[in-house]
């Protein structure tokens, strides 16, 4: 039996671009509000998310600013992170507990 364990990072857009002055490009640019998050996964089905950060990023040079998580979620709403990454680890724990309970219930007393 072979298990696959992995990790990764994704960046998703969470709102409409906002005009800001980019100090790195020294121009007005439409900064994109983004959520960058890291995730781990077990067997490609059961995942968990960690290291969430909201940011405003310049589309040309990726320079930007971090945003406060609570304020960003109030302003842009909660982003859509895939179900298997948000709740996969909890489902895996529940599945293990159910299998363990089923095994214990079949043991002779």
PDB file of N, CA and C in Angstrom:
ATOM      1  N   UNK A   1       0.849  -1.169   0.000  1.00  0.00           N
ATOM      2  CA  UNK A   1       0.000   0.000   0.000  1.00  0.00           C
ATOM      3  C   UNK A   1       0.898   1.236   0.000  1.00  0.00           C
ATOM      4  N   UNK A   2       0.572   2.189  -0.855  1.00  0.00           N
ATOM      5  CA  UNK A   2       1.396   3.387  -0.992  1.00  0.00           C
ATOM      6  C   UNK A   2       0.575   4.629  -0.648  1.00  0.00           C
ATOM      7  N   UNK A   3       1.123   5.461   0.216  1.00  0.00           N
ATOM      8  CA  UNK A   3       0.476   6.702   0.592  1.00  0.00           C
ATOM      9  C   UNK A   3       1.261   7.859  -0.001  1.00  0.00           C
ATOM     10  N   UNK A   4       0.530   8.895  -0.390  1.00  0.00           N
ATOM     11  CA  UNK A   4       1.179  10.092  -0.922  1.00  0.00           C
ATOM     12  C   UNK A   4       0.978  11.228   0.074  1.00  0.00           C
ATOM     13  N   UNK A   5       2.070  11.872   0.409  1.00  0.00           N
ATOM     14  CA  UNK A   5       2.026  13.005   1.314  1.00  0.00           C
ATOM     15  C   UNK A   5       2.622  14.198   0.571  1.00  0.00           C
ATOM     16  N   UNK A   6       1.969  15.349   0.654  1.00  0.00           N
ATOM     17  CA  UNK A   6       2.486  16.504  -0.067  1.00  0.00           C
ATOM     18  C   UNK A   6       2.122  17.809   0.607  1.00  0.00           C
ATOM     19  N   UNK A   7       2.668  18.859   0.054  1.00  0.00           N
ATOM     20  CA  UNK A   7       2.362  20.204   0.522  1.00  0.00           C
ATOM     21  C   UNK A   7       2.468  21.152  -0.654  1.00  0.00           C
ATOM     22  N   UNK A   8       1.902  22.328  -0.493  1.00  0.00           N
ATOM     23  CA  UNK A   8       1.951  23.305  -1.565  1.00  0.00           C
ATOM     24  C   UNK A   8       1.497  24.664  -1.079  1.00  0.00           C
ATOM     25  N   UNK A   9       1.475  25.599  -2.000  1.00  0.00           N
ATOM     26  CA  UNK A   9       1.013  26.954  -1.703  1.00  0.00           C
ATOM     27  C   UNK A   9       0.202  27.448  -2.883  1.00  0.00           C
ATOM     28  N   UNK A  10      -0.893  28.112  -2.590  1.00  0.00           N
ATOM     29  CA  UNK A  10      -1.754  28.675  -3.630  1.00  0.00           C
ATOM     30  C   UNK A  10      -2.025  30.140  -3.324  1.00  0.00           C
ATOM     31  N   UNK A  11      -2.257  30.893  -4.382  1.00  0.00           N
ATOM     32  CA  UNK A  11      -2.638  32.294  -4.256  1.00  0.00           C
ATOM     33  C   UNK A  11      -3.885  32.496  -5.108  1.00  0.00           C
ATOM     34  N   UNK A  12      -4.951  33.006  -4.471  1.00  0.00           N
ATOM     35  CA  UNK A  12      -6.208  33.230  -5.180  1.00  0.00           C
ATOM     36  C   UNK A  12      -6.627  34.684  -5.016  1.00  0.00           C
ATOM     37  N   UNK A  13      -7.214  35.218  -6.057  1.00  0.00           N
ATOM     38  CA  UNK A  13      -7.731  36.577  -6.029  1.00  0.00           C
ATOM     39  C   UNK A  13      -9.021  36.589  -5.211  1.00  0.00           C
ATOM     40  N   UNK A  14      -9.197  37.622  -4.376  1.00  0.00           N
ATOM     41  CA  UNK A  14     -10.385  37.668  -3.525  1.00  0.00           C
ATOM     42  C   UNK A  14     -11.245  38.907  -3.762  1.00  0.00           C
ATOM     43  N   UNK A  15     -10.845  39.791  -4.637  1.00  0.00           N
ATOM     44  CA  UNK A  15     -11.636  40.997  -4.852  1.00  0.00           C
ATOM     45  C   UNK A  15     -11.214  41.750  -6.096  1.00  0.00           C
ATOM     46  N   UNK A  16     -11.835  42.880  -6.282  1.00  0.00           N
ATOM     47  CA  UNK A  16     -11.551  43.741  -7.426  1.00  0.00           C
ATOM     48  C   UNK A  16     -10.224  44.473  -7.220  1.00  0.00           C
ATOM     49  N   UNK A  17      -9.467  44.689  -8.284  1.00  0.00           N
ATOM     50  CA  UNK A  17      -8.208  45.435  -8.172  1.00  0.00           C
ATOM     51  C   UNK A  17      -8.424  46.852  -7.640  1.00  0.00           C
ATOM     52  N   UNK A  18      -7.452  47.332  -6.876  1.00  0.00           N
ATOM     53  CA  UNK A  18      -7.508  48.661  -6.276  1.00  0.00           C
ATOM     54  C   UNK A  18      -6.308  49.470  -6.748  1.00  0.00           C
ATOM     55  N   UNK A  19      -6.538  50.688  -7.261  1.00  0.00           N
ATOM     56  CA  UNK A  19      -5.397  51.509  -7.687  1.00  0.00           C
ATOM     57  C   UNK A  19      -4.571  51.965  -6.489  1.00  0.00           C
ATOM     58  N   UNK A  20      -3.270  51.721  -6.565  1.00  0.00           N
ATOM     59  CA  UNK A  20      -2.315  52.107  -5.517  1.00  0.00           C
ATOM     60  C   UNK A  20      -1.022  52.536  -6.200  1.00  0.00           C
ATOM     61  N   UNK A  21      -0.252  53.327  -5.492  1.00  0.00           N
ATOM     62  CA  UNK A  21       1.070  53.690  -6.003  1.00  0.00           C
ATOM     63  C   UNK A  21       2.049  52.606  -5.576  1.00  0.00           C
ATOM     64  N   UNK A  22       2.745  52.021  -6.537  1.00  0.00           N
ATOM     65  CA  UNK A  22       3.733  50.983  -6.234  1.00  0.00           C
ATOM     66  C   UNK A  22       5.094  51.649  -6.041  1.00  0.00           C
ATOM     67  N   UNK A  23       5.672  51.556  -4.846  1.00  0.00           N
ATOM     68  CA  UNK A  23       6.981  52.175  -4.620  1.00  0.00           C
ATOM     69  C   UNK A  23       8.099  51.460  -5.377  1.00  0.00           C
ATOM     70  N   UNK A  24       7.900  50.215  -5.696  1.00  0.00           N
ATOM     71  CA  UNK A  24       8.930  49.458  -6.414  1.00  0.00           C
ATOM     72  C   UNK A  24       8.939  49.826  -7.904  1.00  0.00           C
ATOM     73  N   UNK A  25       7.766  49.895  -8.525  1.00  0.00           N
ATOM     74  CA  UNK A  25       7.651  50.271  -9.951  1.00  0.00           C
ATOM     75  C   UNK A  25       7.647  51.787 -10.136  1.00  0.00           C
ATOM     76  N   UNK A  26       7.299  52.518  -9.077  1.00  0.00           N
ATOM     77  CA  UNK A  26       7.144  53.967  -9.093  1.00  0.00           C
ATOM     78  C   UNK A  26       6.070  54.402 -10.093  1.00  0.00           C
ATOM     79  N   UNK A  27       4.964  53.635 -10.115  1.00  0.00           N
ATOM     80  CA  UNK A  27       3.820  53.954 -10.974  1.00  0.00           C
ATOM     81  C   UNK A  27       2.532  53.602 -10.246  1.00  0.00           C
ATOM     82  N   UNK A  28       1.422  54.159 -10.743  1.00  0.00           N
ATOM     83  CA  UNK A  28       0.106  53.759 -10.252  1.00  0.00           C
ATOM     84  C   UNK A  28      -0.243  52.429 -10.913  1.00  0.00           C
ATOM     85  N   UNK A  29      -0.622  51.463 -10.110  1.00  0.00           N
ATOM     86  CA  UNK A  29      -0.981  50.134 -10.615  1.00  0.00           C
ATOM     87  C   UNK A  29      -2.281  49.690  -9.943  1.00  0.00           C
ATOM     88  N   UNK A  30      -2.960  48.740 -10.562  1.00  0.00           N
ATOM     89  CA  UNK A  30      -4.141  48.128  -9.966  1.00  0.00           C
ATOM     90  C   UNK A  30      -3.694  46.941  -9.127  1.00  0.00           C
ATOM     91  N   UNK A  31      -3.579  47.162  -7.819  1.00  0.00           N
ATOM     92  CA  UNK A  31      -3.147  46.110  -6.904  1.00  0.00           C
ATOM     93  C   UNK A  31      -4.278  45.117  -6.713  1.00  0.00           C
ATOM     94  N   UNK A  32      -3.922  43.855  -6.716  1.00  0.00           N
ATOM     95  CA  UNK A  32      -4.914  42.798  -6.604  1.00  0.00           C
ATOM     96  C   UNK A  32      -4.961  42.254  -5.173  1.00  0.00           C
ATOM     97  N   UNK A  33      -6.151  42.285  -4.543  1.00  0.00           N
ATOM     98  CA  UNK A  33      -6.262  41.658  -3.224  1.00  0.00           C
ATOM     99  C   UNK A  33      -6.233  40.137  -3.382  1.00  0.00           C
ATOM    100  N   UNK A  34      -5.401  39.485  -2.594  1.00  0.00           N
ATOM    101  CA  UNK A  34      -5.195  38.041  -2.738  1.00  0.00           C
ATOM    102  C   UNK A  34      -5.180  37.356  -1.378  1.00  0.00           C
ATOM    103  N   UNK A  35      -5.475  36.070  -1.419  1.00  0.00           N
ATOM    104  CA  UNK A  35      -5.266  35.196  -0.273  1.00  0.00           C
ATOM    105  C   UNK A  35      -4.200  34.198  -0.684  1.00  0.00           C
ATOM    106  N   UNK A  36      -3.123  34.154   0.059  1.00  0.00           N
ATOM    107  CA  UNK A  36      -2.079  33.151  -0.161  1.00  0.00           C
ATOM    108  C   UNK A  36      -2.145  32.197   1.024  1.00  0.00           C
ATOM    109  N   UNK A  37      -2.192  30.909   0.734  1.00  0.00           N
ATOM    110  CA  UNK A  37      -2.233  29.933   1.824  1.00  0.00           C
ATOM    111  C   UNK A  37      -1.382  28.726   1.484  1.00  0.00           C
ATOM    112  N   UNK A  38      -0.898  28.090   2.526  1.00  0.00           N
ATOM    113  CA  UNK A  38      -0.132  26.860   2.384  1.00  0.00           C
ATOM    114  C   UNK A  38      -1.033  25.720   2.804  1.00  0.00           C
ATOM    115  N   UNK A  39      -0.787  24.561   2.236  1.00  0.00           N
ATOM    116  CA  UNK A  39      -1.606  23.412   2.587  1.00  0.00           C
ATOM    117  C   UNK A  39      -0.756  22.151   2.598  1.00  0.00           C
ATOM    118  N   UNK A  40      -1.215  21.205   3.361  1.00  0.00           N
ATOM    119  CA  UNK A  40      -0.624  19.883   3.393  1.00  0.00           C
ATOM    120  C   UNK A  40      -1.712  18.896   3.029  1.00  0.00           C
ATOM    121  N   UNK A  41      -1.333  17.774   2.468  1.00  0.00           N
ATOM    122  CA  UNK A  41      -2.337  16.778   2.124  1.00  0.00           C
ATOM    123  C   UNK A  41      -1.770  15.379   2.277  1.00  0.00           C
ATOM    124  N   UNK A  42      -2.662  14.478   2.611  1.00  0.00           N
ATOM    125  CA  UNK A  42      -2.328  13.080   2.805  1.00  0.00           C
ATOM    126  C   UNK A  42      -3.166  12.278   1.823  1.00  0.00           C
ATOM    127  N   UNK A  43      -2.510  11.523   0.983  1.00  0.00           N
ATOM    128  CA  UNK A  43      -3.162  10.658   0.005  1.00  0.00           C
ATOM    129  C   UNK A  43      -4.051  11.444  -0.975  1.00  0.00           C
ATOM    130  N   UNK A  44      -3.735  12.699  -1.218  1.00  0.00           N
ATOM    131  CA  UNK A  44      -4.399  13.593  -2.164  1.00  0.00           C
ATOM    132  C   UNK A  44      -5.873  13.850  -1.872  1.00  0.00           C
ATOM    133  N   UNK A  45      -6.406  13.293  -0.801  1.00  0.00           N
ATOM    134  CA  UNK A  45      -7.809  13.501  -0.453  1.00  0.00           C
ATOM    135  C   UNK A  45      -7.995  14.259   0.843  1.00  0.00           C
ATOM    136  N   UNK A  46      -7.121  14.036   1.781  1.00  0.00           N
ATOM    137  CA  UNK A  46      -7.293  14.575   3.118  1.00  0.00           C
ATOM    138  C   UNK A  46      -6.263  15.673   3.350  1.00  0.00           C
ATOM    139  N   UNK A  47      -6.731  16.908   3.376  1.00  0.00           N
ATOM    140  CA  UNK A  47      -5.799  18.021   3.488  1.00  0.00           C
ATOM    141  C   UNK A  47      -6.108  18.930   4.652  1.00  0.00           C
ATOM    142  N   UNK A  48      -5.215  19.882   4.857  1.00  0.00           N
ATOM    143  CA  UNK A  48      -5.396  20.920   5.865  1.00  0.00           C
ATOM    144  C   UNK A  48      -4.691  22.170   5.379  1.00  0.00           C
ATOM    145  N   UNK A  49      -5.224  23.307   5.807  1.00  0.00           N
ATOM    146  CA  UNK A  49      -4.710  24.612   5.388  1.00  0.00           C
ATOM    147  C   UNK A  49      -4.018  25.274   6.574  1.00  0.00           C
ATOM    148  N   UNK A  50      -2.875  25.887   6.311  1.00  0.00           N
ATOM    149  CA  UNK A  50      -2.174  26.651   7.340  1.00  0.00           C
ATOM    150  C   UNK A  50      -1.483  27.821   6.658  1.00  0.00           C
ATOM    151  N   UNK A  51      -1.047  28.768   7.433  1.00  0.00           N
ATOM    152  CA  UNK A  51      -0.300  29.902   6.893  1.00  0.00           C
ATOM    153  C   UNK A  51      -1.097  30.802   5.973  1.00  0.00           C
ATOM    154  N   UNK A  52      -2.348  31.109   6.341  1.00  0.00           N
ATOM    155  CA  UNK A  52      -3.151  32.023   5.506  1.00  0.00           C
ATOM    156  C   UNK A  52      -2.658  33.450   5.679  1.00  0.00           C
ATOM    157  N   UNK A  53      -2.614  34.178   4.566  1.00  0.00           N
ATOM    158  CA  UNK A  53      -2.297  35.601   4.653  1.00  0.00           C
ATOM    159  C   UNK A  53      -2.996  36.330   3.507  1.00  0.00           C
ATOM    160  N   UNK A  54      -3.571  37.462   3.822  1.00  0.00           N
ATOM    161  CA  UNK A  54      -4.186  38.319   2.817  1.00  0.00           C
ATOM    162  C   UNK A  54      -3.173  39.382   2.446  1.00  0.00           C
ATOM    163  N   UNK A  55      -3.171  39.752   1.171  1.00  0.00           N
ATOM    164  CA  UNK A  55      -2.192  40.722   0.701  1.00  0.00           C
ATOM    165  C   UNK A  55      -2.737  41.505  -0.478  1.00  0.00           C
ATOM    166  N   UNK A  56      -2.178  42.697  -0.673  1.00  0.00           N
ATOM    167  CA  UNK A  56      -2.397  43.486  -1.887  1.00  0.00           C
ATOM    168  C   UNK A  56      -1.107  43.385  -2.676  1.00  0.00           C
ATOM    169  N   UNK A  57      -1.190  42.929  -3.926  1.00  0.00           N
ATOM    170  CA  UNK A  57       0.032  42.693  -4.707  1.00  0.00           C
ATOM    171  C   UNK A  57      -0.009  43.436  -6.034  1.00  0.00           C
ATOM    172  N   UNK A  58       1.120  44.018  -6.393  1.00  0.00           N
ATOM    173  CA  UNK A  58       1.283  44.687  -7.680  1.00  0.00           C
ATOM    174  C   UNK A  58       1.330  43.615  -8.780  1.00  0.00           C
ATOM    175  N   UNK A  59       0.571  43.771  -9.857  1.00  0.00           N
ATOM    176  CA  UNK A  59       0.578  42.765 -10.914  1.00  0.00           C
ATOM    177  C   UNK A  59       1.888  42.716 -11.704  1.00  0.00           C
ATOM    178  N   UNK A  60       2.677  43.796 -11.668  1.00  0.00           N
ATOM    179  CA  UNK A  60       3.911  43.822 -12.448  1.00  0.00           C
ATOM    180  C   UNK A  60       5.103  43.241 -11.690  1.00  0.00           C
ATOM    181  N   UNK A  61       5.251  43.621 -10.419  1.00  0.00           N
ATOM    182  CA  UNK A  61       6.461  43.212  -9.683  1.00  0.00           C
ATOM    183  C   UNK A  61       6.170  42.352  -8.455  1.00  0.00           C
ATOM    184  N   UNK A  62       4.899  42.133  -8.140  1.00  0.00           N
ATOM    185  CA  UNK A  62       4.460  41.361  -6.975  1.00  0.00           C
ATOM    186  C   UNK A  62       4.815  42.005  -5.639  1.00  0.00           C
ATOM    187  N   UNK A  63       5.246  43.256  -5.652  1.00  0.00           N
ATOM    188  CA  UNK A  63       5.465  43.981  -4.402  1.00  0.00           C
ATOM    189  C   UNK A  63       4.097  44.278  -3.808  1.00  0.00           C
ATOM    190  N   UNK A  64       4.001  44.342  -2.500  1.00  0.00           N
ATOM    191  CA  UNK A  64       2.701  44.642  -1.911  1.00  0.00           C
ATOM    192  C   UNK A  64       2.729  44.726  -0.417  1.00  0.00           C
ATOM    193  N   UNK A  65       1.544  44.631   0.160  1.00  0.00           N
ATOM    194  CA  UNK A  65       1.361  44.763   1.594  1.00  0.00           C
ATOM    195  C   UNK A  65       0.497  43.629   2.106  1.00  0.00           C
ATOM    196  N   UNK A  66       0.763  43.235   3.336  1.00  0.00           N
ATOM    197  CA  UNK A  66      -0.109  42.273   4.010  1.00  0.00           C
ATOM    198  C   UNK A  66      -1.315  43.016   4.562  1.00  0.00           C
ATOM    199  N   UNK A  67      -2.449  42.335   4.566  1.00  0.00           N
ATOM    200  CA  UNK A  67      -3.684  42.899   5.097  1.00  0.00           C
ATOM    201  C   UNK A  67      -4.070  42.147   6.367  1.00  0.00           C
ATOM    202  N   UNK A  68      -4.793  42.826   7.250  1.00  0.00           N
ATOM    203  CA  UNK A  68      -5.306  42.184   8.448  1.00  0.00           C
ATOM    204  C   UNK A  68      -6.366  41.159   8.044  1.00  0.00           C
ATOM    205  N   UNK A  69      -6.273  39.968   8.606  1.00  0.00           N
ATOM    206  CA  UNK A  69      -7.147  38.864   8.194  1.00  0.00           C
ATOM    207  C   UNK A  69      -8.623  39.171   8.459  1.00  0.00           C
ATOM    208  N   UNK A  70      -8.938  39.656   9.638  1.00  0.00           N
ATOM    209  CA  UNK A  70     -10.341  39.932   9.976  1.00  0.00           C
ATOM    210  C   UNK A  70     -10.928  41.019   9.085  1.00  0.00           C
ATOM    211  N   UNK A  71     -10.181  42.075   8.885  1.00  0.00           N
ATOM    212  CA  UNK A  71     -10.674  43.160   8.046  1.00  0.00           C
ATOM    213  C   UNK A  71     -10.824  42.715   6.598  1.00  0.00           C
ATOM    214  N   UNK A  72      -9.882  41.927   6.109  1.00  0.00           N
ATOM    215  CA  UNK A  72      -9.953  41.439   4.726  1.00  0.00           C
ATOM    216  C   UNK A  72     -11.159  40.524   4.534  1.00  0.00           C
ATOM    217  N   UNK A  73     -11.432  39.634   5.501  1.00  0.00           N
ATOM    218  CA  UNK A  73     -12.584  38.734   5.372  1.00  0.00           C
ATOM    219  C   UNK A  73     -13.896  39.487   5.469  1.00  0.00           C
ATOM    220  N   UNK A  74     -13.942  40.571   6.256  1.00  0.00           N
ATOM    221  CA  UNK A  74     -15.147  41.401   6.311  1.00  0.00           C
ATOM    222  C   UNK A  74     -15.357  42.134   4.993  1.00  0.00           C
ATOM    223  N   UNK A  75     -14.279  42.615   4.414  1.00  0.00           N
ATOM    224  CA  UNK A  75     -14.379  43.404   3.190  1.00  0.00           C
ATOM    225  C   UNK A  75     -14.616  42.552   1.947  1.00  0.00           C
ATOM    226  N   UNK A  76     -13.890  41.444   1.817  1.00  0.00           N
ATOM    227  CA  UNK A  76     -13.951  40.633   0.600  1.00  0.00           C
ATOM    228  C   UNK A  76     -14.759  39.350   0.761  1.00  0.00           C
ATOM    229  N   UNK A  77     -15.115  38.998   1.988  1.00  0.00           N
ATOM    230  CA  UNK A  77     -15.811  37.739   2.239  1.00  0.00           C
ATOM    231  C   UNK A  77     -14.806  36.605   2.352  1.00  0.00           C
ATOM    232  N   UNK A  78     -15.299  35.452   2.767  1.00  0.00           N
ATOM    233  CA  UNK A  78     -14.407  34.293   2.901  1.00  0.00           C
ATOM    234  C   UNK A  78     -14.185  33.690   1.520  1.00  0.00           C
ATOM    235  N   UNK A  79     -12.944  33.413   1.179  1.00  0.00           N
ATOM    236  CA  UNK A  79     -12.643  32.864  -0.141  1.00  0.00           C
ATOM    237  C   UNK A  79     -12.999  31.379  -0.220  1.00  0.00           C
ATOM    238  N   UNK A  80     -13.080  30.884  -1.431  1.00  0.00           N
ATOM    239  CA  UNK A  80     -13.419  29.477  -1.620  1.00  0.00           C
ATOM    240  C   UNK A  80     -12.136  28.644  -1.682  1.00  0.00           C
ATOM    241  N   UNK A  81     -11.862  27.969  -0.578  1.00  0.00           N
ATOM    242  CA  UNK A  81     -10.760  27.015  -0.512  1.00  0.00           C
ATOM    243  C   UNK A  81     -11.393  25.649  -0.737  1.00  0.00           C
ATOM    244  N   UNK A  82     -10.804  24.799  -1.557  1.00  0.00           N
ATOM    245  CA  UNK A  82     -11.423  23.495  -1.835  1.00  0.00           C
ATOM    246  C   UNK A  82     -11.786  22.731  -0.561  1.00  0.00           C
ATOM    247  N   UNK A  83     -12.941  22.070  -0.588  1.00  0.00           N
ATOM    248  CA  UNK A  83     -13.468  21.350   0.564  1.00  0.00           C
ATOM    249  C   UNK A  83     -12.471  20.340   1.110  1.00  0.00           C
ATOM    250  N   UNK A  84     -11.815  19.599   0.234  1.00  0.00           N
ATOM    251  CA  UNK A  84     -10.881  18.558   0.678  1.00  0.00           C
ATOM    252  C   UNK A  84      -9.675  19.135   1.409  1.00  0.00           C
ATOM    253  N   UNK A  85      -9.340  20.395   1.151  1.00  0.00           N
ATOM    254  CA  UNK A  85      -8.239  21.034   1.870  1.00  0.00           C
ATOM    255  C   UNK A  85      -8.714  21.667   3.176  1.00  0.00           C
ATOM    256  N   UNK A  86      -9.940  22.183   3.192  1.00  0.00           N
ATOM    257  CA  UNK A  86     -10.450  22.817   4.410  1.00  0.00           C
ATOM    258  C   UNK A  86     -10.824  21.806   5.478  1.00  0.00           C
ATOM    259  N   UNK A  87     -11.502  20.726   5.087  1.00  0.00           N
ATOM    260  CA  UNK A  87     -12.044  19.791   6.073  1.00  0.00           C
ATOM    261  C   UNK A  87     -11.531  18.369   5.922  1.00  0.00           C
ATOM    262  N   UNK A  88     -10.603  18.140   5.026  1.00  0.00           N
ATOM    263  CA  UNK A  88     -10.133  16.793   4.752  1.00  0.00           C
ATOM    264  C   UNK A  88      -9.497  16.101   5.934  1.00  0.00           C
ATOM    265  N   UNK A  89      -8.715  16.810   6.716  1.00  0.00           N
ATOM    266  CA  UNK A  89      -8.041  16.195   7.852  1.00  0.00           C
ATOM    267  C   UNK A  89      -9.042  15.811   8.934  1.00  0.00           C
ATOM    268  N   UNK A  90     -10.066  16.636   9.128  1.00  0.00           N
ATOM    269  CA  UNK A  90     -11.124  16.324  10.101  1.00  0.00           C
ATOM    270  C   UNK A  90     -11.889  15.085   9.651  1.00  0.00           C
ATOM    271  N   UNK A  91     -12.158  14.975   8.362  1.00  0.00           N
ATOM    272  CA  UNK A  91     -12.833  13.793   7.826  1.00  0.00           C
ATOM    273  C   UNK A  91     -11.966  12.558   8.020  1.00  0.00           C
ATOM    274  N   UNK A  92     -10.661  12.681   7.791  1.00  0.00           N
ATOM    275  CA  UNK A  92      -9.751  11.557   8.003  1.00  0.00           C
ATOM    276  C   UNK A  92      -9.768  11.096   9.461  1.00  0.00           C
ATOM    277  N   UNK A  93      -9.738  12.035  10.402  1.00  0.00           N
ATOM    278  CA  UNK A  93      -9.799  11.681  11.820  1.00  0.00           C
ATOM    279  C   UNK A  93     -11.123  10.993  12.159  1.00  0.00           C
ATOM    280  N   UNK A  94     -12.225  11.504  11.617  1.00  0.00           N
ATOM    281  CA  UNK A  94     -13.528  10.875  11.840  1.00  0.00           C
ATOM    282  C   UNK A  94     -13.589   9.478  11.264  1.00  0.00           C
ATOM    283  N   UNK A  95     -13.016   9.299  10.084  1.00  0.00           N
ATOM    284  CA  UNK A  95     -12.983   7.983   9.443  1.00  0.00           C
ATOM    285  C   UNK A  95     -12.157   7.000  10.264  1.00  0.00           C
ATOM    286  N   UNK A  96     -11.017   7.422  10.758  1.00  0.00           N
ATOM    287  CA  UNK A  96     -10.182   6.561  11.609  1.00  0.00           C
ATOM    288  C   UNK A  96     -10.916   6.203  12.902  1.00  0.00           C
ATOM    289  N   UNK A  97     -11.608   7.176  13.506  1.00  0.00           N
ATOM    290  CA  UNK A  97     -12.357   6.911  14.735  1.00  0.00           C
ATOM    291  C   UNK A  97     -13.491   5.925  14.474  1.00  0.00           C
ATOM    292  N   UNK A  98     -14.194   6.084  13.351  1.00  0.00           N
ATOM    293  CA  UNK A  98     -15.283   5.169  13.017  1.00  0.00           C
ATOM    294  C   UNK A  98     -14.766   3.756  12.762  1.00  0.00           C
ATOM    295  N   UNK A  99     -13.660   3.634  12.061  1.00  0.00           N
ATOM    296  CA  UNK A  99     -13.073   2.311  11.818  1.00  0.00           C
ATOM    297  C   UNK A  99     -12.572   1.683  13.115  1.00  0.00           C
ATOM    298  N   UNK A 100     -11.988   2.486  13.987  1.00  0.00           N
ATOM    299  CA  UNK A 100     -11.530   1.982  15.272  1.00  0.00           C
ATOM    300  C   UNK A 100     -12.687   1.505  16.142  1.00  0.00           C
ATOM    301  N   UNK A 101     -13.777   2.264  16.151  1.00  0.00           N
ATOM    302  CA  UNK A 101     -14.963   1.878  16.931  1.00  0.00           C
ATOM    303  C   UNK A 101     -15.574   0.601  16.354  1.00  0.00           C
ATOM    304  N   UNK A 102     -15.615   0.501  15.035  1.00  0.00           N
ATOM    305  CA  UNK A 102     -16.159  -0.719  14.405  1.00  0.00           C
ATOM    306  C   UNK A 102     -15.294  -1.924  14.749  1.00  0.00           C
ATOM    307  N   UNK A 103     -13.995  -1.756  14.763  1.00  0.00           N
ATOM    308  CA  UNK A 103     -13.098  -2.848  15.101  1.00  0.00           C
ATOM    309  C   UNK A 103     -13.273  -3.270  16.559  1.00  0.00           C
ATOM    310  N   UNK A 104     -13.348  -2.298  17.445  1.00  0.00           N
ATOM    311  CA  UNK A 104     -13.513  -2.611  18.870  1.00  0.00           C
ATOM    312  C   UNK A 104     -14.846  -3.274  19.165  1.00  0.00           C
ATOM    313  N   UNK A 105     -15.877  -2.924  18.401  1.00  0.00           N
ATOM    314  CA  UNK A 105     -17.187  -3.528  18.654  1.00  0.00           C
ATOM    315  C   UNK A 105     -17.253  -4.989  18.192  1.00  0.00           C
ATOM    316  N   UNK A 106     -16.351  -5.414  17.320  1.00  0.00           N
ATOM    317  CA  UNK A 106     -16.349  -6.803  16.846  1.00  0.00           C
ATOM    318  C   UNK A 106     -15.457  -7.703  17.665  1.00  0.00           C
ATOM    319  N   UNK A 107     -14.684  -7.137  18.586  1.00  0.00           N
ATOM    320  CA  UNK A 107     -13.776  -7.948  19.404  1.00  0.00           C
ATOM    321  C   UNK A 107     -14.569  -8.730  20.459  1.00  0.00           C
ATOM    322  N   UNK A 108     -14.217  -9.990  20.721  1.00  0.00           N
ATOM    323  CA  UNK A 108     -14.915 -10.758  21.763  1.00  0.00           C
ATOM    324  C   UNK A 108     -14.544 -10.239  23.151  1.00  0.00           C
ATOM    325  N   UNK A 109     -15.487 -10.329  24.035  1.00  0.00           N
ATOM    326  CA  UNK A 109     -15.284  -9.841  25.405  1.00  0.00           C
ATOM    327  C   UNK A 109     -14.789 -10.935  26.301  1.00  0.00           C
TER     328      UNK A 109
END
